[in-house]
Structures are given as C-alpha cells and as structure tokens.
Amino acid sequence: MFKRLMVTGAVLLLTGPVIAQDLQRPKAPQVPSKRNSERGVRMELTSSAFQEGKSIPSLYTCDGKDMSPPLSWSGAPEGAKSFALIADDPDAPRGTWVHWVLWNLPAAATELKEGIPVTPHLPSGALQGKNDSGETGYGGPCPPSGIHQYFFKLYALDTTLSLISGATKSELEAAMKRHVLSQATLIGLYSRP
C-alpha cells in the first residue's frame, strides 16, 4: 500500500505543473486533419512582419497605425471550406482580451494582406466581428504595462458559417464547434515604449 501511494503521489507531482500551465493559458481545442497528419502535413501560420515569439512592430499596434499585420498560411487540410481567425491577448489584466474576430475566409485563401479594412464585410466574402473594444475588425496590441503575448489563431473549417457580422469571439467559437479540421497559431510579443 505504501508503494502505491508513492507512485500515485509521483504521478500527481509530475502532472501538476502541466495542469496549472493549461489553466493559465486556456486554448481552443486543436483538431488536426486526419488526412494531413497521416501525410505529415501540418497547417502553419506566419507573418512577414514578425517571427514566432518575437516583437510585433509598433506599426501594427495602438502606438503606430493600428492596422492588421500581414499573415499567410500553408498546409490547409483537404476538405477545408473556409477559414476563421481569432487574435487575442491572454495576458490582459482583466482576462483574455480579444483583438480580432474574422470568419468565412474562402478555402482558396492563403493570406491576409496588412491593413485589412475595419468593415463588417470584406470583398472576399469574409465577415468580421467585434473585438473587446466594441469595434469591428482588428484592434492592435496596446498593453497597459509589461510584455504581452498576442495569439493569432487560424482555423480551417469543414463548412462556411452562418454567423452575421459583428459576432463575438465566444459566438464564433460556438459556431465552429465540431467543424475545425486543423488549427495553426502564431504568437507575437509587444510592450509599449
């Protein structure tokens, strides 16, 4: 019995930090495409403006022109009918702050150019929702203090969504449930001068 308790305690000690870390950084569930994972293909999201884990240039923040950064992706799974994008800041003092909500990007799309208009409807047919500032489209990083992480999350979906423009992140996540084929994340950092 003593050995069993020691083993159980060791398992709890080993898994404890992982659980704590997961609670600190809630993430949307990742559902990799079965076809793509069998071929070793993974969806990847990048930006020509900043690298993974590096600083986002001030041009794309409240200290610059506050325009959306360029994003591009590859490795989309077969069967993808559209893409959705959520950009948020889990380091915000009052909880995760949503900076951008966008969906129904066409399946043929492989990029978003910088400076996407802050309009509900885009020429491609994509729609934009409300960020946590209550505005439509992209609202750039503007942390009150310290270095914050900004998560740009791209989702490949097996459908187009019937959400109307102006939807929130939580409404988009609910609509995407059971439709995510693959996900890619790009993290940028920003601290105000």
N, C-alpha and C. Protein backbone atom coordinates (compact mmCIF):
# COMPACT_ATOMS: atom_id res chain seq x y z
N MET A 1 0.83 -1.20 0.00
CA MET A 1 0.00 0.00 0.00
C MET A 1 0.86 1.25 0.00
N PHE A 2 1.95 1.22 0.76
CA PHE A 2 2.85 2.37 0.82
C PHE A 2 3.42 2.68 -0.56
N LYS A 3 3.81 1.65 -1.30
CA LYS A 3 4.37 1.85 -2.65
C LYS A 3 3.33 2.46 -3.59
N ARG A 4 2.10 2.00 -3.47
CA ARG A 4 1.05 2.51 -4.34
C ARG A 4 0.83 4.01 -4.10
N LEU A 5 0.85 4.41 -2.85
CA LEU A 5 0.69 5.82 -2.53
C LEU A 5 1.84 6.65 -3.08
N MET A 6 3.05 6.12 -2.99
CA MET A 6 4.21 6.84 -3.53
C MET A 6 4.09 7.00 -5.03
N VAL A 7 3.67 5.96 -5.72
CA VAL A 7 3.52 6.04 -7.18
C VAL A 7 2.44 7.05 -7.54
N THR A 8 1.31 7.00 -6.84
CA THR A 8 0.23 7.95 -7.11
C THR A 8 0.70 9.38 -6.87
N GLY A 9 1.42 9.59 -5.76
CA GLY A 9 1.95 10.91 -5.46
C GLY A 9 2.89 11.40 -6.53
N ALA A 10 3.74 10.49 -7.04
CA ALA A 10 4.69 10.88 -8.09
C ALA A 10 3.96 11.29 -9.36
N VAL A 11 2.90 10.55 -9.69
CA VAL A 11 2.13 10.89 -10.88
C VAL A 11 1.50 12.27 -10.72
N LEU A 12 0.94 12.52 -9.55
CA LEU A 12 0.34 13.82 -9.30
C LEU A 12 1.37 14.94 -9.38
N LEU A 13 2.55 14.69 -8.84
CA LEU A 13 3.59 15.71 -8.88
C LEU A 13 4.04 15.97 -10.31
N LEU A 14 4.13 14.91 -11.11
CA LEU A 14 4.58 15.09 -12.49
C LEU A 14 3.53 15.80 -13.35
N THR A 15 2.25 15.52 -13.10
CA THR A 15 1.23 16.14 -13.93
C THR A 15 0.76 17.49 -13.40
N GLY A 16 1.05 17.80 -12.15
CA GLY A 16 0.60 19.05 -11.54
C GLY A 16 0.98 20.29 -12.32
N PRO A 17 2.25 20.51 -12.66
CA PRO A 17 2.63 21.72 -13.38
C PRO A 17 1.98 21.83 -14.75
N VAL A 18 1.77 20.69 -15.42
CA VAL A 18 1.14 20.73 -16.73
C VAL A 18 -0.30 21.23 -16.59
N ILE A 19 -1.01 20.72 -15.59
CA ILE A 19 -2.39 21.15 -15.37
C ILE A 19 -2.44 22.63 -15.04
N ALA A 20 -1.54 23.08 -14.17
CA ALA A 20 -1.52 24.50 -13.80
C ALA A 20 -1.24 25.37 -15.01
N GLN A 21 -0.30 24.93 -15.85
CA GLN A 21 0.04 25.71 -17.04
C GLN A 21 -1.16 25.78 -17.99
N ASP A 22 -1.86 24.65 -18.16
CA ASP A 22 -3.02 24.63 -19.03
C ASP A 22 -4.10 25.56 -18.52
N LEU A 23 -4.27 25.65 -17.19
CA LEU A 23 -5.28 26.54 -16.65
C LEU A 23 -4.92 28.00 -16.86
N GLN A 24 -3.62 28.31 -16.86
CA GLN A 24 -3.19 29.68 -17.07
C GLN A 24 -3.36 30.12 -18.51
N ARG A 25 -3.22 29.23 -19.43
CA ARG A 25 -3.30 29.56 -20.86
C ARG A 25 -4.38 28.73 -21.53
N PRO A 26 -5.66 29.09 -21.36
CA PRO A 26 -6.70 28.29 -22.00
C PRO A 26 -6.57 28.38 -23.51
N LYS A 27 -6.71 27.24 -24.16
CA LYS A 27 -6.57 27.20 -25.61
C LYS A 27 -7.79 26.53 -26.21
N ALA A 28 -8.15 26.95 -27.41
CA ALA A 28 -9.24 26.28 -28.11
C ALA A 28 -8.75 24.89 -28.49
N PRO A 29 -9.64 23.91 -28.50
CA PRO A 29 -9.22 22.55 -28.83
C PRO A 29 -8.67 22.46 -30.24
N GLN A 30 -7.58 21.73 -30.37
CA GLN A 30 -6.98 21.53 -31.68
C GLN A 30 -7.46 20.20 -32.23
N VAL A 31 -7.95 20.23 -33.46
CA VAL A 31 -8.42 19.02 -34.10
C VAL A 31 -7.66 18.88 -35.41
N PRO A 32 -6.54 18.15 -35.42
CA PRO A 32 -5.77 18.03 -36.65
C PRO A 32 -6.52 17.22 -37.71
N SER A 33 -6.28 17.57 -38.94
CA SER A 33 -6.86 16.83 -40.05
C SER A 33 -6.25 15.44 -40.10
N LYS A 34 -7.09 14.40 -40.14
CA LYS A 34 -6.58 13.03 -40.18
C LYS A 34 -5.76 12.80 -41.45
N ARG A 35 -6.28 13.28 -42.59
CA ARG A 35 -5.57 13.08 -43.85
C ARG A 35 -4.20 13.76 -43.83
N ASN A 36 -4.17 15.02 -43.37
CA ASN A 36 -2.90 15.74 -43.37
C ASN A 36 -1.93 15.18 -42.35
N SER A 37 -2.43 14.74 -41.17
CA SER A 37 -1.50 14.22 -40.17
C SER A 37 -0.90 12.90 -40.64
N GLU A 38 -1.65 12.12 -41.42
CA GLU A 38 -1.11 10.88 -41.95
C GLU A 38 0.02 11.16 -42.95
N ARG A 39 -0.06 12.27 -43.64
CA ARG A 39 0.97 12.62 -44.62
C ARG A 39 2.09 13.46 -44.01
N GLY A 40 1.98 13.78 -42.73
CA GLY A 40 3.00 14.59 -42.09
C GLY A 40 2.86 16.07 -42.40
N VAL A 41 1.72 16.49 -42.93
CA VAL A 41 1.49 17.90 -43.27
C VAL A 41 0.81 18.57 -42.08
N ARG A 42 1.27 19.76 -41.75
CA ARG A 42 0.67 20.50 -40.65
C ARG A 42 0.42 21.93 -41.10
N MET A 43 -0.73 22.47 -40.75
CA MET A 43 -1.03 23.84 -41.12
C MET A 43 -0.11 24.77 -40.34
N GLU A 44 0.41 25.77 -41.03
CA GLU A 44 1.35 26.71 -40.42
C GLU A 44 0.92 28.14 -40.73
N LEU A 45 0.98 29.00 -39.71
CA LEU A 45 0.63 30.41 -39.84
C LEU A 45 1.88 31.24 -39.59
N THR A 46 2.18 32.16 -40.49
CA THR A 46 3.37 33.01 -40.36
C THR A 46 3.03 34.45 -40.72
N SER A 47 3.96 35.35 -40.44
CA SER A 47 3.82 36.75 -40.81
C SER A 47 5.16 37.25 -41.35
N SER A 48 5.12 38.07 -42.38
CA SER A 48 6.35 38.68 -42.89
C SER A 48 6.76 39.85 -42.01
N ALA A 49 5.90 40.26 -41.06
CA ALA A 49 6.17 41.41 -40.20
C ALA A 49 6.89 41.02 -38.90
N PHE A 50 6.66 39.80 -38.42
CA PHE A 50 7.31 39.35 -37.18
C PHE A 50 7.40 37.83 -37.16
N GLN A 51 8.37 37.33 -36.41
CA GLN A 51 8.57 35.90 -36.29
C GLN A 51 7.92 35.38 -35.02
N GLU A 52 7.69 34.08 -34.98
CA GLU A 52 7.12 33.41 -33.81
C GLU A 52 7.89 33.78 -32.55
N GLY A 53 7.17 34.27 -31.54
CA GLY A 53 7.78 34.60 -30.26
C GLY A 53 8.59 35.88 -30.24
N LYS A 54 8.54 36.65 -31.32
CA LYS A 54 9.29 37.91 -31.40
C LYS A 54 8.33 39.10 -31.35
N SER A 55 8.91 40.30 -31.27
CA SER A 55 8.11 41.53 -31.13
C SER A 55 7.31 41.86 -32.38
N ILE A 56 6.08 42.29 -32.16
CA ILE A 56 5.23 42.80 -33.22
C ILE A 56 5.63 44.26 -33.45
N PRO A 57 5.95 44.66 -34.67
CA PRO A 57 6.32 46.06 -34.92
C PRO A 57 5.21 47.02 -34.49
N SER A 58 5.61 48.18 -33.98
CA SER A 58 4.64 49.14 -33.45
C SER A 58 3.65 49.64 -34.51
N LEU A 59 4.00 49.52 -35.79
CA LEU A 59 3.09 49.89 -36.87
C LEU A 59 1.73 49.21 -36.71
N TYR A 60 1.72 47.98 -36.18
CA TYR A 60 0.50 47.18 -36.07
C TYR A 60 -0.14 47.27 -34.70
N THR A 61 0.21 48.31 -33.93
CA THR A 61 -0.28 48.48 -32.57
C THR A 61 -0.93 49.85 -32.39
N CYS A 62 -1.41 50.11 -31.17
CA CYS A 62 -2.01 51.42 -30.87
C CYS A 62 -0.96 52.52 -30.87
N ASP A 63 0.31 52.16 -30.83
CA ASP A 63 1.38 53.16 -30.87
C ASP A 63 1.79 53.51 -32.30
N GLY A 64 1.23 52.80 -33.27
CA GLY A 64 1.53 53.06 -34.68
C GLY A 64 0.24 53.36 -35.44
N LYS A 65 0.06 52.69 -36.57
CA LYS A 65 -1.15 52.91 -37.39
C LYS A 65 -2.29 51.99 -37.00
N ASP A 66 -2.04 51.08 -36.06
CA ASP A 66 -3.08 50.17 -35.56
C ASP A 66 -3.75 49.39 -36.68
N MET A 67 -2.94 48.98 -37.67
CA MET A 67 -3.50 48.19 -38.76
C MET A 67 -3.08 46.74 -38.60
N SER A 68 -3.87 45.85 -39.17
CA SER A 68 -3.60 44.42 -39.03
C SER A 68 -2.30 44.04 -39.74
N PRO A 69 -1.56 43.09 -39.15
CA PRO A 69 -0.31 42.65 -39.78
C PRO A 69 -0.59 41.68 -40.93
N PRO A 70 0.36 41.54 -41.84
CA PRO A 70 0.20 40.54 -42.90
C PRO A 70 0.33 39.14 -42.31
N LEU A 71 -0.52 38.24 -42.74
CA LEU A 71 -0.49 36.84 -42.29
C LEU A 71 -0.58 35.94 -43.51
N SER A 72 0.11 34.82 -43.46
CA SER A 72 -0.02 33.84 -44.54
C SER A 72 0.02 32.44 -43.93
N TRP A 73 -0.55 31.49 -44.65
CA TRP A 73 -0.60 30.13 -44.13
C TRP A 73 -0.44 29.11 -45.23
N SER A 74 -0.06 27.92 -44.81
CA SER A 74 0.12 26.79 -45.72
C SER A 74 -0.28 25.52 -45.00
N GLY A 75 -0.41 24.43 -45.76
CA GLY A 75 -0.73 23.14 -45.16
C GLY A 75 -2.18 22.98 -44.77
N ALA A 76 -3.08 23.73 -45.41
CA ALA A 76 -4.50 23.60 -45.08
C ALA A 76 -4.97 22.18 -45.43
N PRO A 77 -5.82 21.61 -44.61
CA PRO A 77 -6.27 20.23 -44.85
C PRO A 77 -7.23 20.12 -46.03
N GLU A 78 -7.26 18.95 -46.64
CA GLU A 78 -8.25 18.67 -47.67
C GLU A 78 -9.62 18.75 -47.03
N GLY A 79 -10.56 19.25 -47.77
CA GLY A 79 -11.92 19.34 -47.24
C GLY A 79 -12.21 20.66 -46.55
N ALA A 80 -11.22 21.54 -46.44
CA ALA A 80 -11.47 22.85 -45.82
C ALA A 80 -12.37 23.67 -46.72
N LYS A 81 -13.43 24.22 -46.15
CA LYS A 81 -14.39 25.04 -46.90
C LYS A 81 -14.22 26.53 -46.60
N SER A 82 -13.59 26.84 -45.45
CA SER A 82 -13.36 28.23 -45.09
C SER A 82 -12.35 28.29 -43.95
N PHE A 83 -11.91 29.52 -43.65
CA PHE A 83 -11.00 29.75 -42.53
C PHE A 83 -11.60 30.80 -41.60
N ALA A 84 -11.23 30.69 -40.34
CA ALA A 84 -11.61 31.70 -39.34
C ALA A 84 -10.35 32.10 -38.59
N LEU A 85 -10.36 33.31 -38.04
CA LEU A 85 -9.19 33.81 -37.32
C LEU A 85 -9.63 34.51 -36.04
N ILE A 86 -8.92 34.22 -34.97
CA ILE A 86 -9.11 34.91 -33.69
C ILE A 86 -7.75 35.39 -33.24
N ALA A 87 -7.65 36.66 -32.85
CA ALA A 87 -6.42 37.19 -32.26
C ALA A 87 -6.77 37.71 -30.88
N ASP A 88 -6.03 37.23 -29.87
CA ASP A 88 -6.32 37.69 -28.51
C ASP A 88 -5.06 37.73 -27.65
N ASP A 89 -5.22 38.34 -26.48
CA ASP A 89 -4.14 38.57 -25.53
C ASP A 89 -4.52 37.95 -24.19
N PRO A 90 -3.95 36.76 -23.87
CA PRO A 90 -4.28 36.12 -22.60
C PRO A 90 -3.62 36.78 -21.39
N ASP A 91 -2.73 37.74 -21.62
CA ASP A 91 -2.01 38.40 -20.52
C ASP A 91 -2.71 39.67 -20.04
N ALA A 92 -3.85 40.01 -20.61
CA ALA A 92 -4.56 41.23 -20.22
C ALA A 92 -4.98 41.14 -18.74
N PRO A 93 -4.93 42.26 -18.02
CA PRO A 93 -5.20 42.25 -16.57
C PRO A 93 -6.59 41.71 -16.20
N ARG A 94 -7.59 41.94 -17.02
CA ARG A 94 -8.95 41.50 -16.69
C ARG A 94 -9.32 40.19 -17.35
N GLY A 95 -8.35 39.45 -17.84
CA GLY A 95 -8.62 38.21 -18.57
C GLY A 95 -8.33 38.40 -20.04
N THR A 96 -8.46 37.34 -20.80
CA THR A 96 -8.12 37.37 -22.23
C THR A 96 -8.88 38.49 -22.95
N TRP A 97 -8.11 39.31 -23.69
CA TRP A 97 -8.66 40.45 -24.43
C TRP A 97 -8.66 40.10 -25.92
N VAL A 98 -9.81 40.22 -26.54
CA VAL A 98 -9.96 39.86 -27.95
C VAL A 98 -9.63 41.06 -28.83
N HIS A 99 -8.72 40.85 -29.79
CA HIS A 99 -8.28 41.91 -30.70
C HIS A 99 -8.86 41.80 -32.11
N TRP A 100 -9.28 40.59 -32.49
CA TRP A 100 -9.74 40.42 -33.86
C TRP A 100 -10.55 39.14 -33.97
N VAL A 101 -11.66 39.20 -34.69
CA VAL A 101 -12.51 38.04 -34.95
C VAL A 101 -12.93 38.12 -36.42
N LEU A 102 -12.62 37.07 -37.18
CA LEU A 102 -12.86 37.08 -38.62
C LEU A 102 -13.20 35.66 -39.06
N TRP A 103 -14.15 35.49 -39.97
CA TRP A 103 -14.52 34.15 -40.42
C TRP A 103 -15.03 34.18 -41.86
N ASN A 104 -15.22 32.98 -42.41
CA ASN A 104 -15.65 32.76 -43.80
C ASN A 104 -14.65 33.28 -44.82
N LEU A 105 -13.36 33.22 -44.45
CA LEU A 105 -12.33 33.44 -45.47
C LEU A 105 -12.43 32.28 -46.45
N PRO A 106 -12.37 32.53 -47.75
CA PRO A 106 -12.53 31.45 -48.73
C PRO A 106 -11.47 30.36 -48.58
N ALA A 107 -11.84 29.14 -48.94
CA ALA A 107 -10.95 27.98 -48.82
C ALA A 107 -9.69 28.16 -49.66
N ALA A 108 -9.76 28.92 -50.75
CA ALA A 108 -8.60 29.13 -51.62
C ALA A 108 -7.63 30.17 -51.05
N ALA A 109 -8.03 30.88 -50.02
CA ALA A 109 -7.18 31.95 -49.46
C ALA A 109 -5.95 31.35 -48.78
N THR A 110 -4.82 32.05 -48.93
CA THR A 110 -3.58 31.63 -48.26
C THR A 110 -2.92 32.79 -47.53
N GLU A 111 -3.59 33.95 -47.53
CA GLU A 111 -3.00 35.10 -46.85
C GLU A 111 -4.04 36.16 -46.53
N LEU A 112 -3.67 37.01 -45.59
CA LEU A 112 -4.38 38.26 -45.31
C LEU A 112 -3.33 39.35 -45.44
N LYS A 113 -3.54 40.28 -46.34
CA LYS A 113 -2.59 41.38 -46.50
C LYS A 113 -2.68 42.31 -45.30
N GLU A 114 -1.64 43.12 -45.08
CA GLU A 114 -1.69 44.06 -43.96
C GLU A 114 -2.77 45.10 -44.20
N GLY A 115 -3.28 45.64 -43.10
CA GLY A 115 -4.25 46.72 -43.20
C GLY A 115 -5.62 46.31 -43.69
N ILE A 116 -6.12 45.16 -43.23
CA ILE A 116 -7.48 44.75 -43.60
C ILE A 116 -8.46 45.83 -43.13
N PRO A 117 -9.37 46.28 -43.99
CA PRO A 117 -10.32 47.33 -43.58
C PRO A 117 -11.14 46.89 -42.36
N VAL A 118 -11.46 47.84 -41.50
CA VAL A 118 -12.25 47.53 -40.31
C VAL A 118 -13.74 47.68 -40.63
N THR A 119 -14.18 46.87 -41.58
CA THR A 119 -15.57 46.87 -42.03
C THR A 119 -16.18 45.50 -41.72
N PRO A 120 -17.49 45.43 -41.56
CA PRO A 120 -18.12 44.14 -41.25
C PRO A 120 -17.95 43.11 -42.36
N HIS A 121 -18.01 43.57 -43.63
CA HIS A 121 -17.92 42.67 -44.79
C HIS A 121 -16.66 42.99 -45.59
N LEU A 122 -15.93 41.95 -45.97
CA LEU A 122 -14.74 42.13 -46.80
C LEU A 122 -15.05 41.70 -48.23
N PRO A 123 -14.32 42.22 -49.21
CA PRO A 123 -14.58 41.87 -50.62
C PRO A 123 -14.52 40.36 -50.89
N SER A 124 -13.73 39.63 -50.12
CA SER A 124 -13.60 38.18 -50.32
C SER A 124 -14.83 37.41 -49.87
N GLY A 125 -15.74 38.08 -49.18
CA GLY A 125 -16.91 37.40 -48.61
C GLY A 125 -16.74 37.11 -47.13
N ALA A 126 -15.54 37.33 -46.60
CA ALA A 126 -15.30 37.12 -45.18
C ALA A 126 -16.04 38.18 -44.35
N LEU A 127 -16.32 37.81 -43.12
CA LEU A 127 -17.01 38.72 -42.20
C LEU A 127 -16.15 38.96 -40.97
N GLN A 128 -16.33 40.13 -40.37
CA GLN A 128 -15.57 40.46 -39.16
C GLN A 128 -16.53 40.71 -38.00
N GLY A 129 -16.05 40.34 -36.82
CA GLY A 129 -16.85 40.52 -35.62
C GLY A 129 -16.33 41.66 -34.77
N LYS A 130 -16.87 41.74 -33.58
CA LYS A 130 -16.49 42.77 -32.62
C LYS A 130 -15.31 42.32 -31.78
N ASN A 131 -14.37 43.23 -31.58
CA ASN A 131 -13.27 42.96 -30.65
C ASN A 131 -13.71 43.45 -29.26
N ASP A 132 -12.86 43.30 -28.27
CA ASP A 132 -13.25 43.68 -26.90
C ASP A 132 -13.26 45.18 -26.65
N SER A 133 -12.88 45.96 -27.66
CA SER A 133 -13.06 47.41 -27.57
C SER A 133 -14.45 47.81 -28.07
N GLY A 134 -15.21 46.80 -28.54
CA GLY A 134 -16.55 47.05 -29.06
C GLY A 134 -16.56 47.52 -30.50
N GLU A 135 -15.41 47.40 -31.18
CA GLU A 135 -15.30 47.85 -32.56
C GLU A 135 -15.20 46.66 -33.51
N THR A 136 -15.54 46.90 -34.76
CA THR A 136 -15.46 45.87 -35.78
C THR A 136 -14.03 45.77 -36.30
N GLY A 137 -13.56 44.56 -36.54
CA GLY A 137 -12.26 44.34 -37.15
C GLY A 137 -11.12 44.33 -36.16
N TYR A 138 -9.94 44.59 -36.68
CA TYR A 138 -8.70 44.49 -35.91
C TYR A 138 -8.48 45.70 -35.01
N GLY A 139 -8.10 45.42 -33.78
CA GLY A 139 -7.64 46.44 -32.85
C GLY A 139 -6.29 45.97 -32.32
N GLY A 140 -5.24 46.70 -32.59
CA GLY A 140 -3.89 46.24 -32.30
C GLY A 140 -3.51 46.18 -30.83
N PRO A 141 -2.37 45.55 -30.56
CA PRO A 141 -1.86 45.47 -29.20
C PRO A 141 -1.72 46.85 -28.56
N CYS A 142 -2.07 46.92 -27.28
CA CYS A 142 -1.97 48.17 -26.54
C CYS A 142 -1.91 47.84 -25.04
N PRO A 143 -0.91 47.06 -24.63
CA PRO A 143 -0.87 46.59 -23.24
C PRO A 143 -0.67 47.74 -22.26
N PRO A 144 -1.33 47.70 -21.11
CA PRO A 144 -1.18 48.77 -20.12
C PRO A 144 0.22 48.79 -19.50
N SER A 145 0.84 47.60 -19.40
CA SER A 145 2.20 47.53 -18.86
C SER A 145 2.80 46.18 -19.19
N GLY A 146 4.11 46.14 -19.21
CA GLY A 146 4.81 44.87 -19.42
C GLY A 146 4.70 44.32 -20.83
N ILE A 147 5.29 43.14 -21.01
CA ILE A 147 5.28 42.45 -22.30
C ILE A 147 4.08 41.51 -22.31
N HIS A 148 3.25 41.61 -23.35
CA HIS A 148 2.11 40.73 -23.51
C HIS A 148 2.31 39.82 -24.71
N GLN A 149 1.68 38.65 -24.66
CA GLN A 149 1.68 37.71 -25.77
C GLN A 149 0.39 37.87 -26.56
N TYR A 150 0.51 37.88 -27.88
CA TYR A 150 -0.66 38.01 -28.75
C TYR A 150 -0.75 36.76 -29.61
N PHE A 151 -1.86 36.05 -29.47
CA PHE A 151 -2.07 34.78 -30.16
C PHE A 151 -2.94 35.03 -31.39
N PHE A 152 -2.40 34.73 -32.57
CA PHE A 152 -3.16 34.77 -33.81
C PHE A 152 -3.47 33.31 -34.14
N LYS A 153 -4.75 32.94 -34.09
CA LYS A 153 -5.15 31.54 -34.26
C LYS A 153 -6.00 31.40 -35.51
N LEU A 154 -5.52 30.58 -36.43
CA LEU A 154 -6.22 30.34 -37.69
C LEU A 154 -6.85 28.95 -37.64
N TYR A 155 -8.12 28.86 -38.03
CA TYR A 155 -8.84 27.60 -38.01
C TYR A 155 -9.29 27.25 -39.43
N ALA A 156 -9.01 26.03 -39.87
CA ALA A 156 -9.56 25.51 -41.12
C ALA A 156 -10.85 24.79 -40.77
N LEU A 157 -11.94 25.17 -41.43
CA LEU A 157 -13.26 24.61 -41.11
C LEU A 157 -13.81 23.79 -42.26
N ASP A 158 -14.66 22.83 -41.92
CA ASP A 158 -15.27 21.98 -42.94
C ASP A 158 -16.58 22.57 -43.48
N THR A 159 -16.84 23.83 -43.18
CA THR A 159 -18.07 24.49 -43.60
C THR A 159 -17.85 26.00 -43.66
N THR A 160 -18.80 26.72 -44.22
CA THR A 160 -18.85 28.17 -44.03
C THR A 160 -19.89 28.42 -42.94
N LEU A 161 -19.70 29.47 -42.18
CA LEU A 161 -20.54 29.72 -41.02
C LEU A 161 -21.68 30.68 -41.35
N SER A 162 -22.81 30.48 -40.69
CA SER A 162 -23.97 31.33 -40.94
C SER A 162 -24.07 32.48 -39.93
N LEU A 163 -22.97 32.78 -39.25
CA LEU A 163 -22.93 33.91 -38.32
C LEU A 163 -23.08 35.22 -39.08
N ILE A 164 -23.78 36.18 -38.48
CA ILE A 164 -23.86 37.50 -39.09
C ILE A 164 -22.65 38.33 -38.61
N SER A 165 -22.30 39.34 -39.36
CA SER A 165 -21.17 40.19 -38.98
C SER A 165 -21.44 40.82 -37.62
N GLY A 166 -20.37 41.10 -36.90
CA GLY A 166 -20.50 41.68 -35.58
C GLY A 166 -20.51 40.67 -34.46
N ALA A 167 -20.39 39.38 -34.78
CA ALA A 167 -20.38 38.34 -33.76
C ALA A 167 -19.14 38.48 -32.87
N THR A 168 -19.22 37.91 -31.69
CA THR A 168 -18.11 37.95 -30.74
C THR A 168 -17.27 36.68 -30.85
N LYS A 169 -16.14 36.68 -30.17
CA LYS A 169 -15.27 35.50 -30.14
C LYS A 169 -16.03 34.28 -29.62
N SER A 170 -16.77 34.44 -28.54
CA SER A 170 -17.49 33.28 -27.97
C SER A 170 -18.55 32.77 -28.94
N GLU A 171 -19.20 33.66 -29.67
CA GLU A 171 -20.19 33.22 -30.67
C GLU A 171 -19.52 32.49 -31.82
N LEU A 172 -18.36 32.98 -32.23
CA LEU A 172 -17.61 32.30 -33.29
C LEU A 172 -17.15 30.93 -32.82
N GLU A 173 -16.60 30.84 -31.62
CA GLU A 173 -16.15 29.54 -31.11
C GLU A 173 -17.30 28.54 -31.02
N ALA A 174 -18.47 29.01 -30.61
CA ALA A 174 -19.63 28.12 -30.54
C ALA A 174 -20.03 27.64 -31.93
N ALA A 175 -20.00 28.54 -32.92
CA ALA A 175 -20.37 28.18 -34.29
C ALA A 175 -19.36 27.21 -34.92
N MET A 176 -18.08 27.34 -34.53
CA MET A 176 -17.03 26.48 -35.10
C MET A 176 -16.99 25.09 -34.49
N LYS A 177 -17.63 24.91 -33.34
CA LYS A 177 -17.56 23.65 -32.62
C LYS A 177 -17.92 22.49 -33.54
N ARG A 178 -17.10 21.47 -33.54
CA ARG A 178 -17.25 20.26 -34.36
C ARG A 178 -17.03 20.52 -35.86
N HIS A 179 -16.49 21.69 -36.22
CA HIS A 179 -16.21 21.97 -37.64
C HIS A 179 -14.72 22.25 -37.89
N VAL A 180 -13.89 22.21 -36.86
CA VAL A 180 -12.46 22.54 -37.01
C VAL A 180 -11.70 21.31 -37.52
N LEU A 181 -11.10 21.47 -38.70
CA LEU A 181 -10.27 20.41 -39.27
C LEU A 181 -8.82 20.52 -38.82
N SER A 182 -8.35 21.75 -38.67
CA SER A 182 -6.97 21.99 -38.28
C SER A 182 -6.84 23.41 -37.73
N GLN A 183 -5.78 23.62 -36.96
CA GLN A 183 -5.55 24.94 -36.37
C GLN A 183 -4.06 25.25 -36.41
N ALA A 184 -3.73 26.51 -36.62
CA ALA A 184 -2.34 26.97 -36.56
C ALA A 184 -2.31 28.25 -35.72
N THR A 185 -1.25 28.42 -34.95
CA THR A 185 -1.14 29.57 -34.07
C THR A 185 0.20 30.27 -34.28
N LEU A 186 0.17 31.59 -34.29
CA LEU A 186 1.36 32.42 -34.35
C LEU A 186 1.31 33.36 -33.15
N ILE A 187 2.39 33.39 -32.37
CA ILE A 187 2.44 34.23 -31.18
C ILE A 187 3.44 35.36 -31.38
N GLY A 188 2.98 36.58 -31.16
CA GLY A 188 3.86 37.75 -31.20
C GLY A 188 3.85 38.44 -29.84
N LEU A 189 4.89 39.20 -29.57
CA LEU A 189 5.00 39.91 -28.29
C LEU A 189 4.95 41.41 -28.52
N TYR A 190 4.47 42.12 -27.49
CA TYR A 190 4.52 43.57 -27.59
C TYR A 190 4.56 44.20 -26.19
N SER A 191 5.39 45.22 -26.07
CA SER A 191 5.47 46.04 -24.87
C SER A 191 5.52 47.49 -25.33
N ARG A 192 4.73 48.35 -24.73
CA ARG A 192 4.70 49.75 -25.16
C ARG A 192 5.99 50.47 -24.81
N PRO A 193 6.40 51.43 -25.67
CA PRO A 193 7.65 52.15 -25.41
C PRO A 193 7.55 53.02 -24.16
